[in-house]
Amino acid sequence: MTLVAFDFDGTLSDSEMTVLLGDEYGVADKMADITHRAMNDELGYAESLRQRAGLLDGLSEEAAERAWGNVRLREGAAEVIAALRDAGVTVAIFTGGFEKGVAAALEREGVDVDAIVANRLPVEDGALTGGVEGSLIEGTKDDALREYASEHDVDLADTVAVGDGANDLPMLEVAGLAVGFEPKPNVEPACDVTVSSMTELRDVLEAEGVL
């Protein structure tokens, strides 16, 4: 297996980017409620993302940058990413979250990945517009995984997907190995194995011959 695709919020990170942004604007509780409903498949992901972005209409770019600065990788995540890269494994992050938050968290830990497929929050006149852009709004992570695997001549059977929520289901269902990171109840049945820490994840990757 030569391609590992990670979700970000709830998987590589225990931060929730929209909630961090919401904290800056006093709408975190509303954000958390929408996120909870989406991750439990009670609300369509695209609609939930648009609703959360809409709550941020007018948030200053400076405040958004503070939120990006609070995005953190989960304990042990940087070490797993580094070990995979050292082993010659292609590492991608497919997230409905936001490029700037992912990039800030990786940079803080001094690690990088081969690809980040994420969304963006447009800015006009120094403030968020309330809109959202990106391929993972309507698009699904199975398409992202198929496309990226094809670009790198990797068979889907030789891929690993790691995620936790409803929007991760498509890639978990098509990957060669589906790993649930503390998966939501409706996601767990699609997982070949579940883990609750990066140490456990590394053990699984070693047992499967990925590391």
N, C-alpha and C. Protein backbone atom coordinates (compact mmCIF):
# COMPACT_ATOMS: atom_id res chain seq x y z
N MET A 1 0.85 -1.20 0.00
CA MET A 1 0.00 0.00 0.00
C MET A 1 0.89 1.25 0.00
N THR A 2 0.69 2.09 -0.97
CA THR A 2 1.63 3.18 -1.15
C THR A 2 1.00 4.56 -1.10
N LEU A 3 -0.29 4.64 -0.87
CA LEU A 3 -0.95 5.93 -0.74
C LEU A 3 -1.85 5.91 0.48
N VAL A 4 -1.61 6.86 1.39
CA VAL A 4 -2.45 6.99 2.58
C VAL A 4 -3.14 8.35 2.52
N ALA A 5 -4.47 8.32 2.57
CA ALA A 5 -5.27 9.54 2.51
C ALA A 5 -5.92 9.78 3.87
N PHE A 6 -5.67 10.93 4.44
CA PHE A 6 -6.20 11.30 5.75
C PHE A 6 -7.30 12.34 5.63
N ASP A 7 -8.31 12.20 6.46
CA ASP A 7 -9.17 13.31 6.82
C ASP A 7 -8.36 14.20 7.77
N PHE A 8 -8.83 15.42 8.01
CA PHE A 8 -8.08 16.31 8.91
C PHE A 8 -8.83 16.55 10.21
N ASP A 9 -9.90 17.35 10.19
CA ASP A 9 -10.62 17.64 11.43
C ASP A 9 -11.19 16.35 12.02
N GLY A 10 -10.85 16.06 13.27
CA GLY A 10 -11.32 14.86 13.93
C GLY A 10 -10.44 13.65 13.70
N THR A 11 -9.46 13.78 12.83
CA THR A 11 -8.57 12.66 12.52
C THR A 11 -7.13 13.08 12.77
N LEU A 12 -6.50 13.76 11.83
CA LEU A 12 -5.14 14.25 12.08
C LEU A 12 -5.14 15.34 13.15
N SER A 13 -6.24 16.02 13.29
CA SER A 13 -6.35 17.11 14.27
C SER A 13 -7.58 16.88 15.13
N ASP A 14 -7.47 17.26 16.41
CA ASP A 14 -8.68 17.25 17.24
C ASP A 14 -9.27 18.66 17.32
N SER A 15 -8.76 19.56 16.47
CA SER A 15 -9.37 20.88 16.31
C SER A 15 -10.53 20.76 15.33
N GLU A 16 -11.48 21.65 15.44
CA GLU A 16 -12.55 21.78 14.44
C GLU A 16 -12.46 23.20 13.92
N MET A 17 -11.99 23.34 12.68
CA MET A 17 -11.66 24.67 12.16
C MET A 17 -12.82 25.64 12.18
N THR A 18 -14.00 25.17 11.78
CA THR A 18 -15.12 26.11 11.76
C THR A 18 -15.48 26.58 13.16
N VAL A 19 -15.30 25.72 14.15
CA VAL A 19 -15.58 26.14 15.53
C VAL A 19 -14.55 27.16 16.00
N LEU A 20 -13.28 26.96 15.64
CA LEU A 20 -12.25 27.95 15.98
C LEU A 20 -12.57 29.30 15.36
N LEU A 21 -13.01 29.27 14.11
CA LEU A 21 -13.43 30.52 13.47
C LEU A 21 -14.65 31.10 14.17
N GLY A 22 -15.57 30.22 14.53
CA GLY A 22 -16.77 30.66 15.23
C GLY A 22 -16.47 31.29 16.57
N ASP A 23 -15.44 30.78 17.26
CA ASP A 23 -15.03 31.38 18.54
C ASP A 23 -14.62 32.83 18.36
N GLU A 24 -14.02 33.12 17.22
CA GLU A 24 -13.58 34.48 16.96
C GLU A 24 -14.75 35.42 16.67
N TYR A 25 -15.92 34.83 16.36
CA TYR A 25 -17.06 35.64 15.92
C TYR A 25 -18.28 35.46 16.82
N GLY A 26 -18.10 34.66 17.89
CA GLY A 26 -19.19 34.45 18.82
C GLY A 26 -20.31 33.56 18.32
N VAL A 27 -19.99 32.68 17.34
CA VAL A 27 -21.03 31.80 16.79
C VAL A 27 -20.61 30.33 16.91
N ALA A 28 -19.70 30.02 17.82
CA ALA A 28 -19.16 28.67 17.93
C ALA A 28 -20.23 27.63 18.26
N ASP A 29 -21.17 27.98 19.13
CA ASP A 29 -22.21 27.02 19.50
C ASP A 29 -23.07 26.63 18.29
N LYS A 30 -23.41 27.62 17.48
CA LYS A 30 -24.18 27.33 16.26
C LYS A 30 -23.35 26.46 15.31
N MET A 31 -22.05 26.76 15.22
CA MET A 31 -21.15 25.98 14.37
C MET A 31 -21.11 24.53 14.82
N ALA A 32 -20.95 24.33 16.11
CA ALA A 32 -20.81 22.98 16.66
C ALA A 32 -22.07 22.16 16.41
N ASP A 33 -23.22 22.78 16.52
CA ASP A 33 -24.47 22.07 16.30
C ASP A 33 -24.60 21.62 14.85
N ILE A 34 -24.26 22.50 13.93
CA ILE A 34 -24.32 22.15 12.51
C ILE A 34 -23.32 21.04 12.19
N THR A 35 -22.10 21.15 12.74
CA THR A 35 -21.08 20.14 12.51
C THR A 35 -21.53 18.78 13.04
N HIS A 36 -22.09 18.77 14.23
CA HIS A 36 -22.54 17.52 14.83
C HIS A 36 -23.59 16.84 13.95
N ARG A 37 -24.52 17.61 13.46
CA ARG A 37 -25.58 17.05 12.61
C ARG A 37 -25.01 16.50 11.31
N ALA A 38 -24.03 17.21 10.75
CA ALA A 38 -23.44 16.76 9.49
C ALA A 38 -22.63 15.49 9.68
N MET A 39 -21.82 15.43 10.73
CA MET A 39 -20.95 14.28 10.93
C MET A 39 -21.74 13.03 11.28
N ASN A 40 -22.96 13.21 11.78
CA ASN A 40 -23.82 12.07 12.06
C ASN A 40 -24.81 11.80 10.92
N ASP A 41 -24.54 12.45 9.78
CA ASP A 41 -25.32 12.22 8.56
C ASP A 41 -26.77 12.64 8.70
N GLU A 42 -27.03 13.65 9.55
CA GLU A 42 -28.39 14.17 9.71
C GLU A 42 -28.62 15.38 8.82
N LEU A 43 -27.56 15.89 8.22
CA LEU A 43 -27.61 17.07 7.37
C LEU A 43 -26.59 16.87 6.26
N GLY A 44 -26.97 17.18 5.03
CA GLY A 44 -26.04 17.03 3.92
C GLY A 44 -24.78 17.84 4.15
N TYR A 45 -23.63 17.26 3.79
CA TYR A 45 -22.37 17.93 4.10
C TYR A 45 -22.25 19.29 3.40
N ALA A 46 -22.59 19.34 2.11
CA ALA A 46 -22.45 20.60 1.39
C ALA A 46 -23.29 21.69 2.02
N GLU A 47 -24.52 21.34 2.37
CA GLU A 47 -25.41 22.32 3.00
C GLU A 47 -24.87 22.75 4.36
N SER A 48 -24.34 21.78 5.12
CA SER A 48 -23.81 22.14 6.44
C SER A 48 -22.62 23.08 6.32
N LEU A 49 -21.78 22.83 5.32
CA LEU A 49 -20.60 23.67 5.14
C LEU A 49 -21.02 25.09 4.75
N ARG A 50 -21.99 25.18 3.87
CA ARG A 50 -22.45 26.51 3.46
C ARG A 50 -23.10 27.25 4.63
N GLN A 51 -23.83 26.52 5.46
CA GLN A 51 -24.44 27.16 6.62
C GLN A 51 -23.38 27.68 7.58
N ARG A 52 -22.35 26.88 7.82
CA ARG A 52 -21.29 27.31 8.74
C ARG A 52 -20.52 28.49 8.17
N ALA A 53 -20.21 28.44 6.88
CA ALA A 53 -19.49 29.56 6.26
C ALA A 53 -20.34 30.82 6.31
N GLY A 54 -21.65 30.67 6.11
CA GLY A 54 -22.53 31.83 6.14
C GLY A 54 -22.53 32.54 7.48
N LEU A 55 -22.35 31.79 8.55
CA LEU A 55 -22.29 32.40 9.88
C LEU A 55 -21.05 33.28 10.06
N LEU A 56 -20.06 33.10 9.17
CA LEU A 56 -18.80 33.83 9.30
C LEU A 56 -18.74 35.08 8.43
N ASP A 57 -19.84 35.40 7.78
CA ASP A 57 -19.89 36.59 6.94
C ASP A 57 -19.49 37.82 7.74
N GLY A 58 -18.42 38.49 7.30
CA GLY A 58 -17.96 39.71 7.97
C GLY A 58 -16.83 39.51 8.96
N LEU A 59 -16.47 38.25 9.26
CA LEU A 59 -15.34 38.02 10.17
C LEU A 59 -14.07 38.59 9.55
N SER A 60 -13.32 39.36 10.31
CA SER A 60 -12.13 40.01 9.76
C SER A 60 -11.06 38.98 9.39
N GLU A 61 -10.28 39.30 8.39
CA GLU A 61 -9.19 38.42 7.97
C GLU A 61 -8.20 38.22 9.11
N GLU A 62 -7.99 39.27 9.90
CA GLU A 62 -7.08 39.17 11.05
C GLU A 62 -7.59 38.14 12.06
N ALA A 63 -8.88 38.16 12.33
CA ALA A 63 -9.46 37.18 13.26
C ALA A 63 -9.37 35.78 12.68
N ALA A 64 -9.57 35.64 11.38
CA ALA A 64 -9.45 34.32 10.74
C ALA A 64 -8.04 33.79 10.89
N GLU A 65 -7.06 34.66 10.74
CA GLU A 65 -5.66 34.24 10.87
C GLU A 65 -5.38 33.76 12.29
N ARG A 66 -5.99 34.39 13.28
CA ARG A 66 -5.83 33.91 14.66
C ARG A 66 -6.38 32.50 14.80
N ALA A 67 -7.51 32.26 14.17
CA ALA A 67 -8.11 30.92 14.22
C ALA A 67 -7.19 29.89 13.56
N TRP A 68 -6.66 30.21 12.39
CA TRP A 68 -5.73 29.27 11.72
C TRP A 68 -4.55 28.98 12.64
N GLY A 69 -4.11 29.96 13.38
CA GLY A 69 -2.98 29.77 14.28
C GLY A 69 -3.27 28.85 15.45
N ASN A 70 -4.56 28.58 15.70
CA ASN A 70 -4.94 27.69 16.79
C ASN A 70 -5.21 26.26 16.34
N VAL A 71 -5.08 26.00 15.04
CA VAL A 71 -5.28 24.63 14.53
C VAL A 71 -4.04 23.81 14.88
N ARG A 72 -4.24 22.67 15.49
CA ARG A 72 -3.14 21.83 15.95
C ARG A 72 -3.29 20.40 15.44
N LEU A 73 -2.16 19.77 15.13
CA LEU A 73 -2.17 18.35 14.85
C LEU A 73 -2.39 17.58 16.15
N ARG A 74 -3.05 16.45 16.04
CA ARG A 74 -3.24 15.56 17.18
C ARG A 74 -1.89 15.03 17.64
N GLU A 75 -1.76 14.70 18.93
CA GLU A 75 -0.52 14.14 19.46
C GLU A 75 -0.12 12.90 18.66
N GLY A 76 1.11 12.92 18.17
CA GLY A 76 1.64 11.78 17.43
C GLY A 76 1.40 11.84 15.94
N ALA A 77 0.55 12.76 15.47
CA ALA A 77 0.22 12.81 14.04
C ALA A 77 1.43 13.19 13.19
N ALA A 78 2.20 14.16 13.66
CA ALA A 78 3.37 14.59 12.90
C ALA A 78 4.36 13.43 12.73
N GLU A 79 4.51 12.64 13.77
CA GLU A 79 5.44 11.52 13.72
C GLU A 79 4.97 10.45 12.73
N VAL A 80 3.66 10.21 12.68
CA VAL A 80 3.12 9.23 11.73
C VAL A 80 3.32 9.72 10.30
N ILE A 81 3.03 10.99 10.06
CA ILE A 81 3.22 11.56 8.72
C ILE A 81 4.69 11.46 8.30
N ALA A 82 5.59 11.84 9.21
CA ALA A 82 7.01 11.80 8.90
C ALA A 82 7.48 10.38 8.61
N ALA A 83 6.99 9.41 9.39
CA ALA A 83 7.38 8.02 9.18
C ALA A 83 6.90 7.52 7.82
N LEU A 84 5.68 7.88 7.43
CA LEU A 84 5.16 7.49 6.13
C LEU A 84 5.98 8.09 5.01
N ARG A 85 6.29 9.37 5.11
CA ARG A 85 7.09 10.02 4.07
C ARG A 85 8.47 9.39 3.98
N ASP A 86 9.08 9.10 5.13
CA ASP A 86 10.41 8.47 5.15
C ASP A 86 10.37 7.09 4.51
N ALA A 87 9.22 6.41 4.62
CA ALA A 87 9.07 5.07 4.05
C ALA A 87 8.72 5.11 2.56
N GLY A 88 8.62 6.30 2.00
CA GLY A 88 8.31 6.43 0.59
C GLY A 88 6.84 6.33 0.26
N VAL A 89 5.99 6.44 1.28
CA VAL A 89 4.54 6.38 1.08
C VAL A 89 4.03 7.77 0.69
N THR A 90 3.17 7.81 -0.31
CA THR A 90 2.52 9.06 -0.69
C THR A 90 1.44 9.39 0.34
N VAL A 91 1.45 10.62 0.83
CA VAL A 91 0.52 11.04 1.88
C VAL A 91 -0.31 12.22 1.38
N ALA A 92 -1.63 12.07 1.47
CA ALA A 92 -2.53 13.14 1.06
C ALA A 92 -3.51 13.45 2.17
N ILE A 93 -3.97 14.69 2.20
CA ILE A 93 -5.02 15.11 3.14
C ILE A 93 -6.21 15.56 2.30
N PHE A 94 -7.35 14.89 2.51
CA PHE A 94 -8.60 15.25 1.85
C PHE A 94 -9.56 15.72 2.93
N THR A 95 -9.87 17.01 2.93
CA THR A 95 -10.67 17.55 4.02
C THR A 95 -11.68 18.57 3.52
N GLY A 96 -12.85 18.54 4.12
CA GLY A 96 -13.82 19.59 3.89
C GLY A 96 -13.47 20.85 4.65
N GLY A 97 -12.42 20.78 5.46
CA GLY A 97 -11.90 21.96 6.16
C GLY A 97 -11.14 22.86 5.20
N PHE A 98 -10.25 23.66 5.73
CA PHE A 98 -9.72 24.76 4.96
C PHE A 98 -8.20 24.72 4.83
N GLU A 99 -7.74 25.04 3.62
CA GLU A 99 -6.32 24.95 3.27
C GLU A 99 -5.43 25.68 4.27
N LYS A 100 -5.83 26.89 4.65
CA LYS A 100 -4.96 27.70 5.50
C LYS A 100 -4.75 27.06 6.87
N GLY A 101 -5.80 26.48 7.43
CA GLY A 101 -5.67 25.84 8.73
C GLY A 101 -4.80 24.61 8.67
N VAL A 102 -4.98 23.78 7.64
CA VAL A 102 -4.15 22.58 7.47
C VAL A 102 -2.69 22.97 7.31
N ALA A 103 -2.43 23.93 6.42
CA ALA A 103 -1.06 24.35 6.16
C ALA A 103 -0.39 24.90 7.41
N ALA A 104 -1.14 25.68 8.20
CA ALA A 104 -0.57 26.27 9.42
C ALA A 104 -0.20 25.18 10.42
N ALA A 105 -1.06 24.19 10.57
CA ALA A 105 -0.79 23.10 11.53
C ALA A 105 0.41 22.27 11.11
N LEU A 106 0.52 21.96 9.82
CA LEU A 106 1.66 21.18 9.33
C LEU A 106 2.96 21.96 9.50
N GLU A 107 2.91 23.24 9.15
CA GLU A 107 4.12 24.07 9.25
C GLU A 107 4.60 24.17 10.69
N ARG A 108 3.67 24.29 11.62
CA ARG A 108 4.04 24.40 13.03
C ARG A 108 4.83 23.18 13.49
N GLU A 109 4.45 21.99 12.98
CA GLU A 109 5.10 20.75 13.38
C GLU A 109 6.28 20.38 12.49
N GLY A 110 6.52 21.17 11.45
CA GLY A 110 7.67 20.92 10.58
C GLY A 110 7.53 19.70 9.71
N VAL A 111 6.30 19.36 9.32
CA VAL A 111 6.08 18.23 8.42
C VAL A 111 5.28 18.71 7.21
N ASP A 112 5.36 17.93 6.13
CA ASP A 112 4.53 18.25 4.98
C ASP A 112 3.99 16.97 4.37
N VAL A 113 3.09 17.13 3.43
CA VAL A 113 2.46 16.00 2.76
C VAL A 113 2.55 16.23 1.26
N ASP A 114 2.16 15.20 0.51
CA ASP A 114 2.26 15.31 -0.94
C ASP A 114 1.13 16.13 -1.55
N ALA A 115 -0.02 16.13 -0.90
CA ALA A 115 -1.15 16.89 -1.44
C ALA A 115 -2.12 17.26 -0.34
N ILE A 116 -2.69 18.46 -0.46
CA ILE A 116 -3.79 18.89 0.40
C ILE A 116 -4.95 19.27 -0.51
N VAL A 117 -6.04 18.54 -0.40
CA VAL A 117 -7.26 18.87 -1.13
C VAL A 117 -8.25 19.38 -0.09
N ALA A 118 -8.54 20.67 -0.14
CA ALA A 118 -9.34 21.31 0.91
C ALA A 118 -10.14 22.45 0.31
N ASN A 119 -10.93 23.09 1.14
CA ASN A 119 -11.76 24.21 0.71
C ASN A 119 -11.14 25.54 1.14
N ARG A 120 -11.76 26.63 0.67
CA ARG A 120 -11.26 27.97 0.95
C ARG A 120 -12.42 28.89 1.33
N LEU A 121 -12.11 29.88 2.16
CA LEU A 121 -13.10 30.89 2.54
C LEU A 121 -12.70 32.20 1.88
N PRO A 122 -13.44 32.67 0.89
CA PRO A 122 -13.06 33.89 0.18
C PRO A 122 -13.07 35.12 1.10
N VAL A 123 -12.17 36.04 0.76
CA VAL A 123 -12.03 37.29 1.51
C VAL A 123 -12.22 38.46 0.56
N GLU A 124 -13.00 39.44 0.99
CA GLU A 124 -13.14 40.69 0.25
C GLU A 124 -13.08 41.84 1.24
N ASP A 125 -12.32 42.86 0.88
CA ASP A 125 -12.21 44.06 1.72
C ASP A 125 -11.83 43.71 3.16
N GLY A 126 -10.94 42.74 3.31
CA GLY A 126 -10.40 42.42 4.63
C GLY A 126 -11.29 41.58 5.52
N ALA A 127 -12.35 40.98 4.95
CA ALA A 127 -13.26 40.17 5.77
C ALA A 127 -13.78 38.99 4.97
N LEU A 128 -14.15 37.92 5.68
CA LEU A 128 -14.75 36.78 5.02
C LEU A 128 -16.10 37.17 4.42
N THR A 129 -16.40 36.58 3.27
CA THR A 129 -17.63 36.94 2.56
C THR A 129 -18.84 36.12 3.01
N GLY A 130 -18.59 35.04 3.73
CA GLY A 130 -19.68 34.13 4.08
C GLY A 130 -19.84 33.02 3.06
N GLY A 131 -19.03 33.06 2.01
CA GLY A 131 -19.05 32.01 1.00
C GLY A 131 -17.99 30.96 1.28
N VAL A 132 -17.98 29.91 0.46
CA VAL A 132 -16.97 28.86 0.56
C VAL A 132 -16.72 28.32 -0.83
N GLU A 133 -15.45 28.01 -1.12
CA GLU A 133 -15.05 27.51 -2.43
C GLU A 133 -14.20 26.25 -2.26
N GLY A 134 -14.24 25.38 -3.26
CA GLY A 134 -13.37 24.21 -3.23
C GLY A 134 -14.01 22.97 -3.82
N SER A 135 -13.18 21.98 -4.09
CA SER A 135 -13.65 20.76 -4.76
C SER A 135 -14.34 19.81 -3.81
N LEU A 136 -14.20 20.01 -2.50
CA LEU A 136 -14.82 19.08 -1.55
C LEU A 136 -16.04 19.69 -0.87
N ILE A 137 -16.75 20.50 -1.62
CA ILE A 137 -18.05 20.98 -1.16
C ILE A 137 -19.11 20.02 -1.69
N GLU A 138 -19.25 19.98 -3.01
CA GLU A 138 -20.17 19.02 -3.63
C GLU A 138 -19.45 17.71 -3.96
N GLY A 139 -18.17 17.81 -4.31
CA GLY A 139 -17.40 16.63 -4.65
C GLY A 139 -17.18 15.75 -3.43
N THR A 140 -16.95 14.47 -3.67
CA THR A 140 -16.78 13.53 -2.56
C THR A 140 -15.37 12.99 -2.52
N LYS A 141 -15.00 12.47 -1.36
CA LYS A 141 -13.62 12.06 -1.14
C LYS A 141 -13.25 10.78 -1.89
N ASP A 142 -14.23 9.98 -2.29
CA ASP A 142 -13.89 8.82 -3.11
C ASP A 142 -13.38 9.27 -4.47
N ASP A 143 -14.00 10.32 -5.03
CA ASP A 143 -13.52 10.86 -6.30
C ASP A 143 -12.10 11.41 -6.14
N ALA A 144 -11.86 12.11 -5.04
CA ALA A 144 -10.52 12.65 -4.79
C ALA A 144 -9.51 11.52 -4.67
N LEU A 145 -9.87 10.45 -3.97
CA LEU A 145 -8.95 9.33 -3.80
C LEU A 145 -8.69 8.64 -5.13
N ARG A 146 -9.74 8.38 -5.89
CA ARG A 146 -9.56 7.73 -7.19
C ARG A 146 -8.65 8.56 -8.10
N GLU A 147 -8.93 9.87 -8.15
CA GLU A 147 -8.17 10.74 -9.04
C GLU A 147 -6.70 10.80 -8.63
N TYR A 148 -6.46 10.95 -7.34
CA TYR A 148 -5.08 11.07 -6.88
C TYR A 148 -4.33 9.75 -7.04
N ALA A 149 -5.01 8.64 -6.76
CA ALA A 149 -4.38 7.33 -6.94
C ALA A 149 -4.02 7.11 -8.40
N SER A 150 -4.92 7.47 -9.29
CA SER A 150 -4.66 7.31 -10.72
C SER A 150 -3.47 8.15 -11.16
N GLU A 151 -3.41 9.39 -10.68
CA GLU A 151 -2.29 10.28 -11.04
C GLU A 151 -0.95 9.70 -10.62
N HIS A 152 -0.95 8.91 -9.54
CA HIS A 152 0.29 8.37 -9.01
C HIS A 152 0.45 6.87 -9.30
N ASP A 153 -0.36 6.38 -10.23
CA ASP A 153 -0.27 4.97 -10.65
C ASP A 153 -0.38 4.01 -9.47
N VAL A 154 -1.29 4.32 -8.56
CA VAL A 154 -1.54 3.46 -7.41
C VAL A 154 -2.92 2.83 -7.57
N ASP A 155 -2.99 1.50 -7.46
CA ASP A 155 -4.26 0.81 -7.51
C ASP A 155 -5.06 1.14 -6.25
N LEU A 156 -6.38 1.30 -6.40
CA LEU A 156 -7.21 1.60 -5.22
C LEU A 156 -7.04 0.54 -4.14
N ALA A 157 -6.78 -0.70 -4.55
CA ALA A 157 -6.59 -1.77 -3.57
C ALA A 157 -5.35 -1.55 -2.72
N ASP A 158 -4.45 -0.68 -3.19
CA ASP A 158 -3.22 -0.40 -2.47
C ASP A 158 -3.27 0.96 -1.77
N THR A 159 -4.47 1.40 -1.43
CA THR A 159 -4.62 2.68 -0.73
C THR A 159 -5.15 2.45 0.68
N VAL A 160 -4.86 3.41 1.54
CA VAL A 160 -5.39 3.43 2.91
C VAL A 160 -6.13 4.74 3.08
N ALA A 161 -7.33 4.69 3.65
CA ALA A 161 -8.07 5.90 3.99
C ALA A 161 -8.28 5.92 5.50
N VAL A 162 -8.09 7.10 6.10
CA VAL A 162 -8.24 7.25 7.55
C VAL A 162 -9.19 8.41 7.79
N GLY A 163 -10.32 8.14 8.47
CA GLY A 163 -11.29 9.20 8.71
C GLY A 163 -12.22 8.86 9.85
N ASP A 164 -13.14 9.80 10.13
CA ASP A 164 -14.01 9.61 11.29
C ASP A 164 -15.48 9.91 11.05
N GLY A 165 -15.79 10.75 10.06
CA GLY A 165 -17.14 11.25 9.94
C GLY A 165 -17.85 10.83 8.67
N ALA A 166 -19.11 11.27 8.54
CA ALA A 166 -19.95 10.86 7.42
C ALA A 166 -19.36 11.24 6.08
N ASN A 167 -18.71 12.41 5.99
CA ASN A 167 -18.15 12.79 4.69
C ASN A 167 -16.90 12.02 4.33
N ASP A 168 -16.40 11.18 5.27
CA ASP A 168 -15.28 10.30 4.96
C ASP A 168 -15.74 8.94 4.42
N LEU A 169 -17.03 8.65 4.57
CA LEU A 169 -17.55 7.35 4.17
C LEU A 169 -17.22 6.98 2.72
N PRO A 170 -17.37 7.90 1.75
CA PRO A 170 -17.09 7.51 0.38
C PRO A 170 -15.67 6.99 0.17
N MET A 171 -14.67 7.68 0.76
CA MET A 171 -13.30 7.19 0.55
C MET A 171 -13.01 5.94 1.37
N LEU A 172 -13.62 5.82 2.55
CA LEU A 172 -13.43 4.61 3.35
C LEU A 172 -13.99 3.39 2.62
N GLU A 173 -15.07 3.59 1.90
CA GLU A 173 -15.73 2.47 1.22
C GLU A 173 -14.97 1.99 0.00
N VAL A 174 -14.13 2.84 -0.62
CA VAL A 174 -13.42 2.41 -1.83
C VAL A 174 -11.94 2.11 -1.58
N ALA A 175 -11.41 2.51 -0.44
CA ALA A 175 -9.98 2.30 -0.16
C ALA A 175 -9.68 0.82 0.09
N GLY A 176 -8.43 0.43 -0.17
CA GLY A 176 -8.03 -0.94 0.11
C GLY A 176 -8.10 -1.28 1.58
N LEU A 177 -7.74 -0.31 2.43
CA LEU A 177 -7.83 -0.48 3.88
C LEU A 177 -8.51 0.75 4.45
N ALA A 178 -9.64 0.55 5.13
CA ALA A 178 -10.40 1.64 5.72
C ALA A 178 -10.17 1.67 7.22
N VAL A 179 -9.56 2.76 7.70
CA VAL A 179 -9.25 2.90 9.12
C VAL A 179 -10.12 4.01 9.71
N GLY A 180 -10.91 3.66 10.70
CA GLY A 180 -11.72 4.65 11.39
C GLY A 180 -10.97 5.17 12.61
N PHE A 181 -10.84 6.50 12.69
CA PHE A 181 -10.21 7.11 13.85
C PHE A 181 -11.32 7.59 14.77
N GLU A 182 -11.59 6.81 15.83
CA GLU A 182 -12.74 7.08 16.69
C GLU A 182 -13.95 7.44 15.83
N PRO A 183 -14.34 6.54 14.94
CA PRO A 183 -15.39 6.87 13.96
C PRO A 183 -16.75 7.07 14.61
N LYS A 184 -17.56 7.90 13.96
CA LYS A 184 -18.94 8.07 14.38
C LYS A 184 -19.67 6.74 14.19
N PRO A 185 -20.75 6.50 14.96
CA PRO A 185 -21.44 5.21 14.90
C PRO A 185 -21.86 4.78 13.51
N ASN A 186 -22.30 5.74 12.68
CA ASN A 186 -22.76 5.38 11.34
C ASN A 186 -21.59 5.13 10.38
N VAL A 187 -20.38 5.45 10.80
CA VAL A 187 -19.20 5.28 9.96
C VAL A 187 -18.49 3.97 10.27
N GLU A 188 -18.54 3.54 11.51
CA GLU A 188 -17.77 2.37 11.95
C GLU A 188 -18.02 1.12 11.10
N PRO A 189 -19.26 0.83 10.66
CA PRO A 189 -19.45 -0.38 9.87
C PRO A 189 -18.66 -0.41 8.56
N ALA A 190 -18.26 0.75 8.05
CA ALA A 190 -17.50 0.80 6.80
C ALA A 190 -16.00 0.62 7.02
N CYS A 191 -15.58 0.53 8.27
CA CYS A 191 -14.15 0.47 8.60
C CYS A 191 -13.66 -0.97 8.74
N ASP A 192 -12.48 -1.22 8.20
CA ASP A 192 -11.85 -2.52 8.39
C ASP A 192 -11.26 -2.65 9.79
N VAL A 193 -10.83 -1.52 10.33
CA VAL A 193 -10.23 -1.48 11.66
C VAL A 193 -10.47 -0.09 12.23
N THR A 194 -10.56 0.02 13.55
CA THR A 194 -10.71 1.32 14.18
C THR A 194 -9.57 1.53 15.18
N VAL A 195 -9.20 2.81 15.35
CA VAL A 195 -8.14 3.18 16.29
C VAL A 195 -8.59 4.40 17.06
N SER A 196 -7.92 4.65 18.19
CA SER A 196 -8.27 5.82 19.00
C SER A 196 -7.06 6.67 19.33
N SER A 197 -5.93 6.36 18.72
CA SER A 197 -4.72 7.17 18.93
C SER A 197 -3.80 7.00 17.74
N MET A 198 -2.88 7.94 17.60
CA MET A 198 -1.90 7.83 16.53
C MET A 198 -0.94 6.67 16.76
N THR A 199 -0.72 6.32 18.03
CA THR A 199 0.11 5.14 18.32
C THR A 199 -0.56 3.88 17.77
N GLU A 200 -1.87 3.75 18.00
CA GLU A 200 -2.60 2.60 17.47
C GLU A 200 -2.59 2.61 15.94
N LEU A 201 -2.73 3.79 15.35
CA LEU A 201 -2.71 3.88 13.90
C LEU A 201 -1.37 3.41 13.35
N ARG A 202 -0.29 3.85 13.99
CA ARG A 202 1.03 3.43 13.53
C ARG A 202 1.17 1.91 13.64
N ASP A 203 0.65 1.31 14.70
CA ASP A 203 0.71 -0.14 14.86
C ASP A 203 -0.02 -0.83 13.72
N VAL A 204 -1.19 -0.29 13.34
CA VAL A 204 -1.95 -0.88 12.24
C VAL A 204 -1.17 -0.78 10.93
N LEU A 205 -0.59 0.39 10.68
CA LEU A 205 0.17 0.59 9.45
C LEU A 205 1.38 -0.33 9.38
N GLU A 206 2.00 -0.56 10.52
CA GLU A 206 3.13 -1.48 10.55
C GLU A 206 2.66 -2.92 10.31
N ALA A 207 1.55 -3.30 10.93
CA ALA A 207 1.03 -4.65 10.78
C ALA A 207 0.60 -4.93 9.33
N GLU A 208 0.14 -3.89 8.65
CA GLU A 208 -0.31 -4.04 7.25
C GLU A 208 0.84 -3.89 6.25
N GLY A 209 2.05 -3.65 6.75
CA GLY A 209 3.20 -3.52 5.86
C GLY A 209 3.31 -2.19 5.15
N VAL A 210 2.54 -1.20 5.62
CA VAL A 210 2.63 0.14 5.05
C VAL A 210 3.89 0.83 5.55
N LEU A 211 4.20 0.61 6.82
CA LEU A 211 5.43 1.15 7.43
C LEU A 211 6.38 -0.01 7.75
